[in-house]
Amino acid sequence: MTVDPRLSINQATIKYADLAAALRVTAEAGVQAIGLWREPVAEVGLATAASMLTDSGLRFTTHCRGGFFTMPEGPARRASIDDNRVAIEEAATLAAAGAPGSTAILVLVAGGLPEGSRDLVGARERVRDAIGELVPDAAAAGVTLAIEPLHPMYVSDRAVVSTLGQALDIAADFDASVVGATVDTFHVFWDPDVLPQIARAGREGRIATYQVCDWRTPLPADVLLSRHYPGDGVIDFASLTEAVEATGYSGDIEVEIFNQDIWDTDPLTVVERTAAAFGTSVSMHLRRP
């Protein structure tokens, strides 16, 4: 099987594989790039993780995740912002360690409504303010902060930023080389305004990364674990991918899946199936040189 060179495996897709195993099976399957999560990197230490990434020969595509700063001012907010500064440095270090073509992108999940709050507008403003604090650090490190809108079902506990338009409105206050957006099919496919907003993101130079996986019902009891391989659900990858490609985006494309059955499967099998699904659902909609 020929693996699309633009495919990247987001480490969440093989959650139970430690960093060494994740790097190994991704390379063994013929995939050229990987997006990492902070927890497996922390398990071995940043310097060791960077060395392992270099030895793997893989490109580094994103670091997941930063964010979670919708709480009001106080010790918890200060701790969160400081932790995001650490994440920025991690992203820069890993991007430097990856193969040529690696990108220093930190994915930001905004955070949900604070306990007892119904003030979505205020929470989003606190997201904007936090990003404003982090921009100097990100710019100095050469890292792009990629705001990720999440499906509205996560608004209470994970992300008060629910649409690509909302993410772009926040990003608009900052230089596009430092603050962009994550376009994740699972989270934005439902939005009737998504295609114009993708075009807007392209005009503004804000598409930091493109992630794909599928949506299928019924949803499990834990809706976080409701993602599927591309092609196994209802998402129209043709229109979304072609819209992203039309902006001139030519970077790697991550498959990020949260699904218990997939996590319980042998990770090499998962990566191989992911590559096959990407080939039949996404690859044909990509522009070629």
Protein backbone atom coordinates (compact mmCIF):
# COMPACT_ATOMS: atom_id res chain seq x y z
CA MET A 1 0.00 0.00 0.00
CA THR A 2 1.27 3.45 -0.91
CA VAL A 3 0.93 5.84 2.02
CA ASP A 4 0.08 9.45 1.28
CA PRO A 5 3.16 11.54 2.12
CA ARG A 6 1.02 14.26 3.70
CA LEU A 7 -0.59 11.95 6.26
CA SER A 8 0.39 12.50 9.89
CA ILE A 9 -0.68 10.28 12.77
CA ASN A 10 -1.80 12.26 15.78
CA GLN A 11 -0.61 10.28 18.80
CA ALA A 12 -4.10 10.32 20.33
CA THR A 13 -5.14 7.81 17.65
CA ILE A 14 -2.85 5.23 19.28
CA LYS A 15 -3.28 6.51 22.82
CA TYR A 16 -2.02 3.41 24.62
CA ALA A 17 1.27 3.31 22.73
CA ASP A 18 4.08 4.99 24.62
CA LEU A 19 6.30 7.42 22.74
CA ALA A 20 8.79 4.80 21.58
CA ALA A 21 6.05 2.53 20.29
CA ALA A 22 4.15 5.37 18.65
CA LEU A 23 7.22 6.51 16.74
CA ARG A 24 8.11 2.94 15.77
CA VAL A 25 4.72 1.85 14.43
CA THR A 26 4.18 5.13 12.59
CA ALA A 27 7.48 4.70 10.74
CA GLU A 28 6.93 0.97 10.19
CA ALA A 29 3.59 1.69 8.52
CA GLY A 30 5.29 4.04 6.07
CA VAL A 31 3.77 7.21 7.52
CA GLN A 32 6.20 10.13 7.43
CA ALA A 33 4.87 12.42 10.17
CA ILE A 34 3.46 12.41 13.69
CA GLY A 35 1.77 14.83 16.05
CA LEU A 36 2.65 14.32 19.71
CA TRP A 37 0.88 14.79 23.03
CA ARG A 38 2.46 16.38 26.06
CA GLU A 39 1.87 13.52 28.49
CA PRO A 40 3.88 10.84 26.63
CA VAL A 41 6.63 13.38 26.03
CA ALA A 42 6.72 14.20 29.75
CA GLU A 43 6.98 10.51 30.62
CA VAL A 44 10.44 10.30 29.04
CA GLY A 45 11.47 13.93 29.41
CA LEU A 46 11.67 16.57 26.70
CA ALA A 47 15.34 16.06 25.80
CA THR A 48 14.91 12.30 25.47
CA ALA A 49 11.70 12.73 23.49
CA ALA A 50 13.44 15.10 21.09
CA SER A 51 16.28 12.63 20.58
CA MET A 52 13.82 9.79 19.98
CA LEU A 53 11.95 11.91 17.44
CA THR A 54 15.17 12.71 15.60
CA ASP A 55 16.13 9.04 15.48
CA SER A 56 12.69 8.10 14.12
CA GLY A 57 13.15 10.21 10.99
CA LEU A 58 9.57 11.47 11.27
CA ARG A 59 8.35 15.01 10.74
CA PHE A 60 6.75 16.67 13.74
CA THR A 61 3.41 18.27 12.92
CA THR A 62 1.70 19.48 16.12
CA HIS A 63 2.01 19.46 19.88
CA CYS A 64 -1.19 18.73 21.83
CA ARG A 65 -2.30 20.50 23.75
CA GLY A 66 -2.29 23.90 25.35
CA GLY A 67 -5.15 26.14 26.39
CA PHE A 68 -7.72 25.69 29.16
CA PHE A 69 -7.69 29.24 30.40
CA THR A 70 -11.32 30.37 30.70
CA MET A 71 -11.18 30.67 34.47
CA PRO A 72 -11.24 34.11 36.11
CA GLU A 73 -8.05 35.75 37.30
CA GLY A 74 -6.38 33.95 40.17
CA PRO A 75 -3.82 31.24 40.95
CA ALA A 76 -5.42 28.65 38.67
CA ARG A 77 -5.34 30.98 35.70
CA ARG A 78 -1.74 31.99 36.38
CA ALA A 79 -0.73 28.33 36.61
CA SER A 80 -2.48 27.53 33.34
CA ILE A 81 -0.81 30.37 31.46
CA ASP A 82 2.58 29.41 32.88
CA ASP A 83 2.01 25.81 31.81
CA ASN A 84 1.19 27.02 28.30
CA ARG A 85 4.54 28.81 28.23
CA VAL A 86 6.19 25.46 28.98
CA ALA A 87 4.17 23.86 26.19
CA ILE A 88 5.37 26.52 23.75
CA GLU A 89 8.98 25.66 24.53
CA GLU A 90 8.20 21.95 24.13
CA ALA A 91 6.69 22.56 20.69
CA ALA A 92 9.72 24.56 19.58
CA THR A 93 12.16 21.91 20.81
CA LEU A 94 10.29 19.03 19.16
CA ALA A 95 9.90 20.87 15.87
CA ALA A 96 13.64 21.45 15.80
CA ALA A 97 14.22 17.74 16.46
CA GLY A 98 11.89 16.46 13.75
CA ALA A 99 12.76 15.71 10.16
CA PRO A 100 12.86 18.55 7.60
CA GLY A 101 9.40 20.00 7.09
CA SER A 102 8.50 19.81 10.78
CA THR A 103 6.23 22.56 12.10
CA ALA A 104 6.17 24.25 15.51
CA ILE A 105 2.43 24.31 16.20
CA LEU A 106 0.80 24.21 19.62
CA VAL A 107 -2.87 23.26 19.45
CA LEU A 108 -5.00 25.27 21.88
CA VAL A 109 -8.26 23.98 23.37
CA ALA A 110 -9.92 26.99 24.93
CA GLY A 111 -11.46 25.40 28.01
CA GLY A 112 -15.09 25.15 29.05
CA LEU A 113 -17.35 27.34 31.11
CA PRO A 114 -16.07 27.95 34.62
CA GLU A 115 -18.02 26.25 37.40
CA GLY A 116 -21.39 27.92 37.89
CA SER A 117 -20.97 30.29 34.92
CA ARG A 118 -23.25 30.79 31.92
CA ASP A 119 -21.19 33.65 30.49
CA LEU A 120 -19.89 32.33 27.17
CA VAL A 121 -18.98 35.78 25.89
CA GLY A 122 -16.90 36.54 28.96
CA ALA A 123 -15.19 33.16 28.81
CA ARG A 124 -14.20 33.73 25.19
CA GLU A 125 -12.78 37.13 26.10
CA ARG A 126 -10.61 35.48 28.74
CA VAL A 127 -9.35 33.13 26.03
CA ARG A 128 -8.43 36.16 23.91
CA ASP A 129 -6.68 37.78 26.87
CA ALA A 130 -4.69 34.63 27.67
CA ILE A 131 -3.54 34.27 24.09
CA GLY A 132 -2.47 37.89 24.17
CA GLU A 133 -0.23 37.08 27.14
CA LEU A 134 1.27 34.09 25.33
CA VAL A 135 1.90 35.74 21.96
CA PRO A 136 5.29 37.25 22.88
CA ASP A 137 6.52 33.86 24.12
CA ALA A 138 5.24 32.07 21.02
CA ALA A 139 6.71 34.64 18.66
CA ALA A 140 10.10 34.45 20.37
CA ALA A 141 10.07 30.64 20.13
CA GLY A 142 8.84 30.55 16.52
CA VAL A 143 5.68 28.69 17.53
CA THR A 144 2.20 29.11 16.05
CA LEU A 145 -0.71 28.92 18.50
CA ALA A 146 -3.52 27.06 16.73
CA ILE A 147 -6.92 27.75 18.29
CA GLU A 148 -9.09 24.67 17.86
CA PRO A 149 -12.86 25.15 17.80
CA LEU A 150 -14.63 22.12 19.27
CA HIS A 151 -18.13 20.83 18.52
CA PRO A 152 -20.74 22.67 20.63
CA MET A 153 -21.44 19.53 22.71
CA TYR A 154 -18.12 20.27 24.44
CA VAL A 155 -18.86 23.90 25.26
CA SER A 156 -19.50 23.36 28.96
CA ASP A 157 -16.40 21.32 29.80
CA ARG A 158 -13.81 21.69 27.04
CA ALA A 159 -14.15 24.60 24.65
CA VAL A 160 -16.20 27.77 24.62
CA VAL A 161 -14.88 28.30 21.09
CA SER A 162 -17.27 26.26 18.96
CA THR A 163 -16.93 27.51 15.40
CA LEU A 164 -14.11 28.32 13.07
CA GLY A 165 -15.51 31.84 12.82
CA GLN A 166 -15.17 32.33 16.57
CA ALA A 167 -11.59 31.06 16.48
CA LEU A 168 -10.74 33.43 13.64
CA ASP A 169 -12.35 36.36 15.43
CA ILE A 170 -10.04 35.77 18.39
CA ALA A 171 -7.00 35.19 16.19
CA ALA A 172 -7.65 38.40 14.24
CA ASP A 173 -6.13 40.47 17.04
CA PHE A 174 -2.73 38.87 16.51
CA ASP A 175 -0.15 38.28 13.79
CA ALA A 176 -1.11 35.35 11.58
CA SER A 177 2.34 33.81 11.89
CA VAL A 178 1.80 33.49 15.64
CA VAL A 179 -1.92 32.77 16.06
CA GLY A 180 -3.87 30.59 13.67
CA ALA A 181 -6.61 27.99 13.77
CA THR A 182 -6.96 24.24 13.70
CA VAL A 183 -9.50 22.96 11.18
CA ASP A 184 -10.72 19.59 12.48
CA THR A 185 -13.43 17.94 10.40
CA PHE A 186 -15.05 16.26 13.41
CA HIS A 187 -15.65 19.59 15.09
CA VAL A 188 -16.63 21.85 12.18
CA PHE A 189 -18.36 19.71 9.53
CA TRP A 190 -21.83 20.52 10.88
CA ASP A 191 -21.42 24.31 10.66
CA PRO A 192 -23.45 25.80 7.77
CA ASP A 193 -20.86 28.58 7.54
CA VAL A 194 -17.81 26.34 7.55
CA LEU A 195 -16.85 26.63 3.88
CA PRO A 196 -16.88 30.45 3.85
CA GLN A 197 -14.95 30.43 7.12
CA ILE A 198 -12.32 28.09 5.68
CA ALA A 199 -11.97 30.50 2.76
CA ARG A 200 -11.67 33.38 5.24
CA ALA A 201 -9.02 31.47 7.20
CA GLY A 202 -7.08 31.05 3.98
CA ARG A 203 -7.29 34.73 3.06
CA GLU A 204 -6.08 35.64 6.53
CA GLY A 205 -3.29 33.05 6.51
CA ARG A 206 -4.68 31.37 9.62
CA ILE A 207 -4.89 27.64 8.80
CA ALA A 208 -2.18 26.25 11.03
CA THR A 209 -3.17 22.59 10.74
CA TYR A 210 -5.86 20.41 9.17
CA GLN A 211 -7.10 17.35 11.09
CA VAL A 212 -9.48 14.67 9.87
CA CYS A 213 -11.61 11.92 11.35
CA ASP A 214 -15.26 10.93 11.00
CA TRP A 215 -18.57 11.37 12.82
CA ARG A 216 -21.05 8.54 13.28
CA THR A 217 -24.09 8.07 15.51
CA PRO A 218 -25.14 6.83 17.98
CA LEU A 219 -22.57 8.54 20.13
CA PRO A 220 -21.09 6.58 23.05
CA ALA A 221 -21.85 7.51 26.65
CA ASP A 222 -18.53 9.34 26.75
CA VAL A 223 -18.91 11.63 23.75
CA LEU A 224 -15.20 12.40 23.81
CA LEU A 225 -14.64 8.90 22.40
CA SER A 226 -16.93 9.28 19.40
CA ARG A 227 -14.45 9.69 16.54
CA HIS A 228 -14.00 7.21 13.70
CA TYR A 229 -11.68 6.42 10.82
CA PRO A 230 -12.22 8.68 7.79
CA GLY A 231 -14.90 7.14 5.62
CA ASP A 232 -16.70 5.33 8.46
CA GLY A 233 -19.23 8.09 9.07
CA VAL A 234 -21.10 10.98 7.48
CA ILE A 235 -18.50 13.73 7.03
CA ASP A 236 -18.06 15.08 3.50
CA PHE A 237 -14.27 15.05 3.23
CA ALA A 238 -14.45 16.10 -0.41
CA SER A 239 -15.92 19.55 0.21
CA LEU A 240 -13.93 20.26 3.36
CA THR A 241 -10.59 19.06 2.00
CA GLU A 242 -11.03 20.81 -1.31
CA ALA A 243 -11.92 24.03 0.52
CA VAL A 244 -8.77 23.78 2.66
CA GLU A 245 -6.64 22.97 -0.38
CA ALA A 246 -8.13 25.91 -2.28
CA THR A 247 -6.66 28.27 0.31
CA GLY A 248 -3.18 27.11 -0.65
CA TYR A 249 -2.67 25.02 2.45
CA SER A 250 -0.09 22.38 1.58
CA GLY A 251 0.96 21.09 4.99
CA ASP A 252 0.60 17.73 6.64
CA ILE A 253 -2.86 16.45 7.54
CA GLU A 254 -3.34 14.70 10.86
CA VAL A 255 -5.74 11.92 11.66
CA GLU A 256 -6.77 12.31 15.29
CA ILE A 257 -9.16 9.70 16.66
CA PHE A 258 -10.53 9.23 20.17
CA ASN A 259 -12.28 5.85 20.19
CA GLN A 260 -12.03 3.12 22.82
CA ASP A 261 -12.28 0.23 20.36
CA ILE A 262 -9.52 1.73 18.24
CA TRP A 263 -7.35 2.38 21.29
CA ASP A 264 -7.77 -1.28 22.29
CA THR A 265 -6.49 -2.42 18.87
CA ASP A 266 -2.83 -3.17 18.11
CA PRO A 267 -1.29 0.23 17.30
CA LEU A 268 0.46 -0.89 14.12
CA THR A 269 -2.86 -2.24 12.84
CA VAL A 270 -4.48 1.10 13.69
CA VAL A 271 -1.85 3.12 11.85
CA GLU A 272 -2.08 0.86 8.80
CA ARG A 273 -5.88 1.10 8.76
CA THR A 274 -5.67 4.86 9.25
CA ALA A 275 -3.36 5.15 6.25
CA ALA A 276 -5.73 3.06 4.14
CA ALA A 277 -8.76 5.09 5.22
CA PHE A 278 -6.94 8.34 4.52
CA GLY A 279 -6.04 7.05 1.07
CA THR A 280 -9.63 6.28 0.14
CA SER A 281 -11.34 9.26 1.79
CA VAL A 282 -8.95 12.22 1.72
CA SER A 283 -6.04 11.69 -0.66
CA MET A 284 -8.01 12.03 -3.89
CA HIS A 285 -9.10 15.53 -2.86
CA LEU A 286 -5.56 16.83 -2.40
CA ARG A 287 -3.78 18.96 -4.94
CA ARG A 288 -0.59 17.49 -6.31
CA PRO A 289 2.53 19.38 -7.43
